[in-house]
């Protein structure tokens, strides 16, 4: 009896997996793309902000960061090359932690206080891209159809 209940729960969970991955991709892909687009709309302000953080080549860094967020966010949104697209996004988020969210990072490792780290903006962005990197974009994605995973019914 318990075995049947567990199998039913397992099947329901598996059937919702692709839908959850779709929601994560749509929401966070959109957020990355909008953030990247915003960097180009307010390029001078972003460059000045990067300069205040002592980021080398602030103009180039702002353009590169905006491009990565816009392009890879759009790829994440549509589910195309999803696992490859999240790698540069992870790098951008690491850069954010080492520059604008440095205090949260120091608090985590030096003071063993995780709250500022978990409340920092890069945390949820990174959490979302790690989920997509580990589990893939799901069956409701272009990766699933372009990669012909539907033939084997595997997750991309």
N, C-alpha and C. Protein backbone atom coordinates (compact mmCIF):
# COMPACT_ATOMS: atom_id res chain seq x y z
N UNK A 1 0.82 -1.19 0.00
CA UNK A 1 0.00 0.00 0.00
C UNK A 1 0.86 1.26 0.00
N UNK A 2 1.84 1.33 0.92
CA UNK A 2 2.71 2.50 0.98
C UNK A 2 3.56 2.61 -0.28
N UNK A 3 3.89 1.47 -0.85
CA UNK A 3 4.67 1.44 -2.08
C UNK A 3 3.88 2.09 -3.22
N UNK A 4 2.58 1.79 -3.30
CA UNK A 4 1.74 2.38 -4.35
C UNK A 4 1.57 3.89 -4.16
N UNK A 5 1.44 4.31 -2.92
CA UNK A 5 1.30 5.74 -2.63
C UNK A 5 2.59 6.46 -3.03
N UNK A 6 3.72 5.88 -2.65
CA UNK A 6 5.01 6.49 -2.98
C UNK A 6 5.19 6.57 -4.50
N UNK A 7 4.85 5.52 -5.21
CA UNK A 7 4.97 5.53 -6.68
C UNK A 7 4.08 6.60 -7.29
N UNK A 8 2.89 6.77 -6.74
CA UNK A 8 1.99 7.81 -7.24
C UNK A 8 2.57 9.20 -7.02
N UNK A 9 3.12 9.43 -5.84
CA UNK A 9 3.75 10.72 -5.53
C UNK A 9 4.94 10.95 -6.45
N UNK A 10 5.72 9.91 -6.67
CA UNK A 10 6.88 9.98 -7.55
C UNK A 10 6.47 10.35 -8.97
N UNK A 11 5.42 9.75 -9.48
CA UNK A 11 4.93 10.02 -10.83
C UNK A 11 4.40 11.45 -10.96
N UNK A 12 3.69 11.91 -9.95
CA UNK A 12 3.17 13.29 -9.97
C UNK A 12 4.34 14.27 -9.97
N UNK A 13 5.32 14.03 -9.11
CA UNK A 13 6.50 14.89 -9.05
C UNK A 13 7.24 14.93 -10.37
N UNK A 14 7.44 13.78 -10.97
CA UNK A 14 8.13 13.73 -12.27
C UNK A 14 7.34 14.42 -13.36
N UNK A 15 6.02 14.32 -13.31
CA UNK A 15 5.21 14.95 -14.36
C UNK A 15 5.24 16.47 -14.24
N UNK A 16 5.51 17.01 -13.07
CA UNK A 16 5.57 18.46 -12.87
C UNK A 16 6.95 19.05 -13.10
N UNK A 17 7.95 18.19 -13.27
CA UNK A 17 9.33 18.64 -13.39
C UNK A 17 9.54 19.60 -14.56
N UNK A 18 9.08 19.25 -15.74
CA UNK A 18 9.28 20.11 -16.91
C UNK A 18 8.52 21.43 -16.78
N UNK A 19 7.35 21.39 -16.18
CA UNK A 19 6.58 22.62 -15.98
C UNK A 19 7.30 23.56 -15.02
N UNK A 20 7.85 23.02 -13.94
CA UNK A 20 8.61 23.84 -13.00
C UNK A 20 9.84 24.43 -13.67
N UNK A 21 10.55 23.63 -14.44
CA UNK A 21 11.73 24.14 -15.15
C UNK A 21 11.34 25.21 -16.16
N UNK A 22 10.19 25.06 -16.79
CA UNK A 22 9.69 26.08 -17.71
C UNK A 22 9.45 27.39 -16.96
N UNK A 23 8.79 27.33 -15.82
CA UNK A 23 8.52 28.53 -15.04
C UNK A 23 9.82 29.22 -14.60
N UNK A 24 10.77 28.42 -14.16
CA UNK A 24 12.07 28.97 -13.74
C UNK A 24 12.75 29.64 -14.93
N UNK A 25 12.78 28.97 -16.07
CA UNK A 25 13.43 29.53 -17.26
C UNK A 25 12.75 30.81 -17.72
N UNK A 26 11.42 30.80 -17.77
CA UNK A 26 10.69 31.98 -18.24
C UNK A 26 10.91 33.18 -17.32
N UNK A 27 10.75 32.97 -16.04
CA UNK A 27 10.87 34.08 -15.10
C UNK A 27 12.30 34.62 -15.06
N UNK A 28 13.26 33.74 -14.83
CA UNK A 28 14.63 34.20 -14.64
C UNK A 28 15.29 34.58 -15.96
N UNK A 29 14.92 33.92 -17.05
CA UNK A 29 15.43 34.35 -18.37
C UNK A 29 14.98 35.75 -18.69
N UNK A 30 13.70 36.04 -18.40
CA UNK A 30 13.16 37.38 -18.60
C UNK A 30 13.88 38.39 -17.71
N UNK A 31 14.09 38.03 -16.44
CA UNK A 31 14.77 38.93 -15.51
C UNK A 31 16.19 39.26 -15.98
N UNK A 32 16.92 38.24 -16.41
CA UNK A 32 18.28 38.48 -16.92
C UNK A 32 18.24 39.37 -18.17
N UNK A 33 17.35 39.05 -19.11
CA UNK A 33 17.28 39.82 -20.35
C UNK A 33 16.92 41.28 -20.09
N UNK A 34 15.96 41.51 -19.22
CA UNK A 34 15.55 42.88 -18.89
C UNK A 34 16.68 43.63 -18.19
N UNK A 35 17.38 42.94 -17.29
CA UNK A 35 18.51 43.56 -16.59
C UNK A 35 19.60 43.94 -17.58
N UNK A 36 19.90 43.03 -18.51
CA UNK A 36 20.91 43.33 -19.53
C UNK A 36 20.50 44.48 -20.43
N UNK A 37 19.24 44.49 -20.84
CA UNK A 37 18.72 45.57 -21.68
C UNK A 37 18.79 46.90 -20.94
N UNK A 38 18.49 46.86 -19.65
CA UNK A 38 18.55 48.07 -18.82
C UNK A 38 19.96 48.63 -18.73
N UNK A 39 20.94 47.75 -18.76
CA UNK A 39 22.33 48.22 -18.73
C UNK A 39 22.64 49.05 -19.98
N UNK A 40 22.06 48.70 -21.11
CA UNK A 40 22.29 49.47 -22.33
C UNK A 40 21.47 50.76 -22.34
N UNK A 41 20.29 50.74 -21.75
CA UNK A 41 19.47 51.96 -21.69
C UNK A 41 20.10 53.02 -20.79
N UNK A 42 20.79 52.57 -19.77
CA UNK A 42 21.41 53.49 -18.80
C UNK A 42 22.92 53.25 -18.76
N UNK A 43 23.52 53.16 -19.93
CA UNK A 43 24.92 52.75 -20.05
C UNK A 43 25.87 53.66 -19.27
N UNK A 44 25.66 54.97 -19.35
CA UNK A 44 26.56 55.90 -18.66
C UNK A 44 26.48 55.71 -17.15
N UNK A 45 25.28 55.52 -16.64
CA UNK A 45 25.11 55.31 -15.19
C UNK A 45 25.74 54.00 -14.74
N UNK A 46 25.56 52.97 -15.54
CA UNK A 46 26.13 51.65 -15.20
C UNK A 46 27.65 51.73 -15.26
N UNK A 47 28.18 52.40 -16.26
CA UNK A 47 29.63 52.55 -16.37
C UNK A 47 30.18 53.30 -15.16
N UNK A 48 29.50 54.36 -14.74
CA UNK A 48 29.92 55.12 -13.56
C UNK A 48 29.84 54.25 -12.30
N UNK A 49 28.79 53.44 -12.20
CA UNK A 49 28.65 52.53 -11.06
C UNK A 49 29.78 51.50 -11.05
N UNK A 50 30.09 50.93 -12.21
CA UNK A 50 31.18 49.96 -12.29
C UNK A 50 32.51 50.63 -11.94
N UNK A 51 32.66 51.87 -12.34
CA UNK A 51 33.88 52.62 -12.02
C UNK A 51 33.97 52.84 -10.51
N UNK A 52 32.85 53.14 -9.87
CA UNK A 52 32.84 53.34 -8.41
C UNK A 52 33.18 52.05 -7.66
N UNK A 53 32.90 50.91 -8.28
CA UNK A 53 33.24 49.61 -7.68
C UNK A 53 34.67 49.19 -7.99
N UNK A 54 35.37 50.06 -8.74
CA UNK A 54 36.76 49.81 -9.15
C UNK A 54 36.87 48.57 -10.04
N UNK A 55 35.87 48.34 -10.88
CA UNK A 55 35.90 47.26 -11.86
C UNK A 55 36.77 47.74 -13.02
N UNK A 56 37.78 46.95 -13.42
CA UNK A 56 38.63 47.38 -14.53
C UNK A 56 37.84 47.54 -15.83
N UNK A 57 38.25 48.49 -16.63
CA UNK A 57 37.61 48.79 -17.92
C UNK A 57 36.09 48.86 -17.75
N UNK A 58 35.61 49.82 -16.97
CA UNK A 58 34.19 49.85 -16.61
C UNK A 58 33.25 49.92 -17.82
N UNK A 59 33.64 50.64 -18.84
CA UNK A 59 32.77 50.75 -20.02
C UNK A 59 32.67 49.40 -20.74
N UNK A 60 33.81 48.77 -20.93
CA UNK A 60 33.83 47.44 -21.57
C UNK A 60 33.09 46.42 -20.70
N UNK A 61 33.35 46.47 -19.39
CA UNK A 61 32.71 45.52 -18.47
C UNK A 61 31.19 45.69 -18.45
N UNK A 62 30.73 46.94 -18.50
CA UNK A 62 29.28 47.18 -18.52
C UNK A 62 28.67 46.63 -19.81
N UNK A 63 29.34 46.85 -20.93
CA UNK A 63 28.84 46.33 -22.21
C UNK A 63 28.85 44.81 -22.25
N UNK A 64 29.92 44.22 -21.75
CA UNK A 64 30.03 42.76 -21.73
C UNK A 64 28.98 42.15 -20.81
N UNK A 65 28.84 42.71 -19.63
CA UNK A 65 27.85 42.20 -18.67
C UNK A 65 26.44 42.34 -19.23
N UNK A 66 26.14 43.50 -19.80
CA UNK A 66 24.82 43.71 -20.39
C UNK A 66 24.54 42.75 -21.54
N UNK A 67 25.55 42.52 -22.37
CA UNK A 67 25.40 41.60 -23.51
C UNK A 67 25.15 40.17 -23.03
N UNK A 68 25.93 39.74 -22.05
CA UNK A 68 25.77 38.38 -21.51
C UNK A 68 24.37 38.21 -20.92
N UNK A 69 23.96 39.18 -20.11
CA UNK A 69 22.65 39.08 -19.48
C UNK A 69 21.52 39.10 -20.51
N UNK A 70 21.64 39.96 -21.51
CA UNK A 70 20.59 40.07 -22.53
C UNK A 70 20.53 38.82 -23.40
N UNK A 71 21.65 38.43 -23.96
CA UNK A 71 21.67 37.29 -24.91
C UNK A 71 21.41 35.97 -24.18
N UNK A 72 22.14 35.72 -23.12
CA UNK A 72 21.97 34.45 -22.41
C UNK A 72 20.63 34.38 -21.69
N UNK A 73 20.13 35.52 -21.23
CA UNK A 73 18.80 35.56 -20.62
C UNK A 73 17.73 35.21 -21.64
N UNK A 74 17.88 35.74 -22.87
CA UNK A 74 16.92 35.43 -23.94
C UNK A 74 17.00 33.94 -24.31
N UNK A 75 18.21 33.39 -24.38
CA UNK A 75 18.37 31.96 -24.67
C UNK A 75 17.74 31.11 -23.57
N UNK A 76 17.94 31.52 -22.34
CA UNK A 76 17.33 30.81 -21.22
C UNK A 76 15.81 30.87 -21.31
N UNK A 77 15.29 32.02 -21.64
CA UNK A 77 13.84 32.23 -21.76
C UNK A 77 13.23 31.29 -22.80
N UNK A 78 13.86 31.17 -23.96
CA UNK A 78 13.29 30.32 -25.01
C UNK A 78 13.72 28.86 -24.88
N UNK A 79 14.69 28.61 -23.98
CA UNK A 79 15.12 27.22 -23.77
C UNK A 79 16.01 26.69 -24.86
N UNK A 80 16.86 27.53 -25.40
CA UNK A 80 17.78 27.13 -26.46
C UNK A 80 19.21 27.24 -25.94
N UNK A 81 19.97 26.17 -26.05
CA UNK A 81 21.35 26.11 -25.52
C UNK A 81 21.36 26.50 -24.04
N UNK A 82 20.37 26.05 -23.32
CA UNK A 82 20.14 26.50 -21.94
C UNK A 82 21.31 26.24 -21.02
N UNK A 83 21.83 25.03 -21.04
CA UNK A 83 22.93 24.70 -20.12
C UNK A 83 24.18 25.50 -20.46
N UNK A 84 24.45 25.72 -21.72
CA UNK A 84 25.60 26.52 -22.11
C UNK A 84 25.37 27.99 -21.77
N UNK A 85 24.15 28.46 -21.91
CA UNK A 85 23.84 29.88 -21.67
C UNK A 85 23.96 30.26 -20.20
N UNK A 86 23.71 29.32 -19.30
CA UNK A 86 23.75 29.68 -17.89
C UNK A 86 25.18 29.79 -17.35
N UNK A 87 26.15 29.23 -18.05
CA UNK A 87 27.54 29.31 -17.57
C UNK A 87 28.04 30.76 -17.54
N UNK A 88 27.89 31.54 -18.64
CA UNK A 88 28.30 32.95 -18.54
C UNK A 88 27.46 33.72 -17.52
N UNK A 89 26.19 33.35 -17.36
CA UNK A 89 25.37 34.03 -16.36
C UNK A 89 25.88 33.75 -14.95
N UNK A 90 26.34 32.53 -14.70
CA UNK A 90 26.93 32.21 -13.40
C UNK A 90 28.18 33.06 -13.16
N UNK A 91 28.98 33.24 -14.20
CA UNK A 91 30.19 34.06 -14.08
C UNK A 91 29.84 35.51 -13.76
N UNK A 92 28.80 36.03 -14.41
CA UNK A 92 28.36 37.40 -14.12
C UNK A 92 27.90 37.52 -12.68
N UNK A 93 27.19 36.52 -12.18
CA UNK A 93 26.72 36.56 -10.81
C UNK A 93 27.88 36.44 -9.82
N UNK A 94 28.88 35.64 -10.15
CA UNK A 94 30.08 35.58 -9.30
C UNK A 94 30.76 36.94 -9.25
N UNK A 95 30.83 37.59 -10.41
CA UNK A 95 31.40 38.93 -10.47
C UNK A 95 30.60 39.91 -9.62
N UNK A 96 29.30 39.77 -9.61
CA UNK A 96 28.45 40.65 -8.79
C UNK A 96 28.74 40.43 -7.31
N UNK A 97 28.94 39.18 -6.91
CA UNK A 97 29.24 38.91 -5.51
C UNK A 97 30.60 39.47 -5.10
N UNK A 98 31.57 39.41 -5.99
CA UNK A 98 32.90 39.89 -5.64
C UNK A 98 33.03 41.40 -5.74
N UNK A 99 32.05 42.07 -6.31
CA UNK A 99 32.12 43.52 -6.44
C UNK A 99 31.02 44.20 -5.64
N UNK A 100 29.81 44.21 -6.15
CA UNK A 100 28.74 44.97 -5.50
C UNK A 100 28.18 44.30 -4.25
N UNK A 101 28.30 43.00 -4.13
CA UNK A 101 27.77 42.28 -2.97
C UNK A 101 28.88 41.66 -2.13
N UNK A 102 30.04 42.29 -2.15
CA UNK A 102 31.21 41.79 -1.43
C UNK A 102 30.94 41.63 0.06
N UNK A 103 30.22 42.56 0.66
CA UNK A 103 29.93 42.49 2.10
C UNK A 103 29.13 41.24 2.45
N UNK A 104 28.19 40.87 1.58
CA UNK A 104 27.39 39.67 1.82
C UNK A 104 28.25 38.42 1.75
N UNK A 105 29.19 38.42 0.81
CA UNK A 105 30.10 37.28 0.65
C UNK A 105 31.04 37.17 1.85
N UNK A 106 31.56 38.31 2.29
CA UNK A 106 32.45 38.32 3.46
C UNK A 106 31.69 37.88 4.70
N UNK A 107 30.46 38.35 4.83
CA UNK A 107 29.65 37.98 5.98
C UNK A 107 29.43 36.47 6.06
N UNK A 108 29.26 35.86 4.91
CA UNK A 108 29.03 34.42 4.89
C UNK A 108 30.26 33.65 5.35
N UNK A 109 31.42 34.00 4.83
CA UNK A 109 32.62 33.21 5.10
C UNK A 109 33.42 33.67 6.32
N UNK A 110 33.39 34.96 6.60
CA UNK A 110 34.17 35.47 7.72
C UNK A 110 33.38 35.43 9.02
N UNK A 111 32.14 35.88 8.97
CA UNK A 111 31.31 35.96 10.17
C UNK A 111 30.37 34.77 10.33
N UNK A 112 30.35 33.89 9.34
CA UNK A 112 29.45 32.74 9.34
C UNK A 112 27.99 33.17 9.50
N UNK A 113 27.66 34.31 8.89
CA UNK A 113 26.31 34.86 8.92
C UNK A 113 25.72 34.76 7.51
N UNK A 114 24.86 33.78 7.25
CA UNK A 114 24.37 33.57 5.89
C UNK A 114 23.25 34.51 5.44
N UNK A 115 22.59 35.20 6.37
CA UNK A 115 21.42 36.00 6.01
C UNK A 115 21.71 37.05 4.94
N UNK A 116 22.75 37.88 5.08
CA UNK A 116 23.00 38.87 4.01
C UNK A 116 23.29 38.22 2.65
N UNK A 117 23.96 37.08 2.69
CA UNK A 117 24.28 36.36 1.45
C UNK A 117 23.01 35.88 0.77
N UNK A 118 22.12 35.27 1.52
CA UNK A 118 20.88 34.75 0.95
C UNK A 118 19.91 35.86 0.56
N UNK A 119 20.03 37.02 1.17
CA UNK A 119 19.18 38.15 0.83
C UNK A 119 19.73 39.00 -0.32
N UNK A 120 20.95 38.71 -0.76
CA UNK A 120 21.55 39.50 -1.83
C UNK A 120 20.89 39.16 -3.17
N UNK A 121 20.85 40.14 -4.04
CA UNK A 121 20.22 39.97 -5.35
C UNK A 121 20.82 38.81 -6.16
N UNK A 122 22.14 38.67 -6.21
CA UNK A 122 22.69 37.57 -7.03
C UNK A 122 22.31 36.17 -6.57
N UNK A 123 21.91 36.02 -5.31
CA UNK A 123 21.64 34.67 -4.80
C UNK A 123 20.53 33.98 -5.60
N UNK A 124 19.38 34.60 -5.73
CA UNK A 124 18.27 33.95 -6.43
C UNK A 124 18.56 33.78 -7.91
N UNK A 125 19.24 34.74 -8.52
CA UNK A 125 19.64 34.60 -9.92
C UNK A 125 20.55 33.39 -10.09
N UNK A 126 21.52 33.26 -9.20
CA UNK A 126 22.45 32.13 -9.27
C UNK A 126 21.74 30.82 -8.98
N UNK A 127 20.85 30.83 -8.01
CA UNK A 127 20.09 29.64 -7.65
C UNK A 127 19.31 29.12 -8.87
N UNK A 128 18.69 30.03 -9.60
CA UNK A 128 17.90 29.64 -10.77
C UNK A 128 18.79 29.05 -11.86
N UNK A 129 19.93 29.67 -12.13
CA UNK A 129 20.77 29.15 -13.22
C UNK A 129 21.45 27.84 -12.84
N UNK A 130 21.72 27.65 -11.56
CA UNK A 130 22.28 26.37 -11.12
C UNK A 130 21.25 25.26 -11.30
N UNK A 131 19.99 25.55 -11.01
CA UNK A 131 18.93 24.55 -11.21
C UNK A 131 18.85 24.16 -12.69
N UNK A 132 18.86 25.14 -13.58
CA UNK A 132 18.79 24.84 -15.02
C UNK A 132 20.04 24.10 -15.47
N UNK A 133 21.20 24.48 -14.95
CA UNK A 133 22.43 23.79 -15.33
C UNK A 133 22.39 22.32 -14.90
N UNK A 134 21.93 22.06 -13.69
CA UNK A 134 21.92 20.70 -13.16
C UNK A 134 20.81 19.82 -13.74
N UNK A 135 19.62 20.40 -13.94
CA UNK A 135 18.48 19.61 -14.36
C UNK A 135 18.10 19.79 -15.82
N UNK A 136 18.71 20.77 -16.49
CA UNK A 136 18.39 21.03 -17.88
C UNK A 136 17.16 21.92 -18.00
N UNK A 137 16.78 22.24 -19.23
CA UNK A 137 15.66 23.15 -19.44
C UNK A 137 14.29 22.49 -19.38
N UNK A 138 14.26 21.17 -19.33
CA UNK A 138 12.98 20.47 -19.30
C UNK A 138 12.49 20.14 -20.71
N UNK A 139 11.39 19.41 -20.75
CA UNK A 139 10.84 18.96 -22.04
C UNK A 139 10.09 20.07 -22.78
N UNK A 140 9.73 21.13 -22.07
CA UNK A 140 9.03 22.24 -22.72
C UNK A 140 10.07 23.30 -23.06
N UNK A 141 10.93 22.96 -24.03
CA UNK A 141 12.02 23.85 -24.42
C UNK A 141 12.43 23.56 -25.86
N UNK A 142 13.10 24.50 -26.46
CA UNK A 142 13.62 24.28 -27.81
C UNK A 142 14.75 23.25 -27.79
N UNK A 143 15.50 23.21 -26.70
CA UNK A 143 16.56 22.21 -26.57
C UNK A 143 16.01 20.79 -26.73
N UNK A 144 14.84 20.56 -26.19
CA UNK A 144 14.22 19.24 -26.25
C UNK A 144 13.93 18.84 -27.69
N UNK A 145 13.47 19.80 -28.50
CA UNK A 145 13.11 19.51 -29.88
C UNK A 145 14.29 19.59 -30.82
N UNK A 146 15.13 20.58 -30.65
CA UNK A 146 16.31 20.72 -31.51
C UNK A 146 17.28 19.57 -31.29
N UNK A 147 17.46 19.17 -30.03
CA UNK A 147 18.36 18.08 -29.70
C UNK A 147 17.75 16.71 -29.93
N UNK A 148 16.52 16.67 -30.37
CA UNK A 148 15.79 15.42 -30.65
C UNK A 148 15.74 14.49 -29.44
N UNK A 149 15.66 15.09 -28.26
CA UNK A 149 15.52 14.29 -27.05
C UNK A 149 14.16 13.63 -26.98
N UNK A 150 13.20 14.16 -27.72
CA UNK A 150 11.87 13.59 -27.72
C UNK A 150 11.87 12.16 -28.24
N UNK A 151 12.84 11.80 -29.06
CA UNK A 151 12.92 10.44 -29.58
C UNK A 151 13.25 9.44 -28.46
N UNK A 152 14.08 9.87 -27.53
CA UNK A 152 14.43 8.97 -26.44
C UNK A 152 13.66 9.27 -25.16
N UNK A 153 12.87 10.34 -25.19
CA UNK A 153 12.07 10.80 -24.06
C UNK A 153 12.92 11.12 -22.83
N UNK A 154 14.17 11.51 -23.08
CA UNK A 154 15.06 11.92 -22.00
C UNK A 154 14.96 13.43 -21.84
N UNK A 155 15.42 13.87 -20.70
CA UNK A 155 15.49 15.31 -20.46
C UNK A 155 16.75 15.84 -21.14
N UNK A 156 16.67 17.02 -21.74
CA UNK A 156 17.87 17.59 -22.37
C UNK A 156 18.86 18.07 -21.33
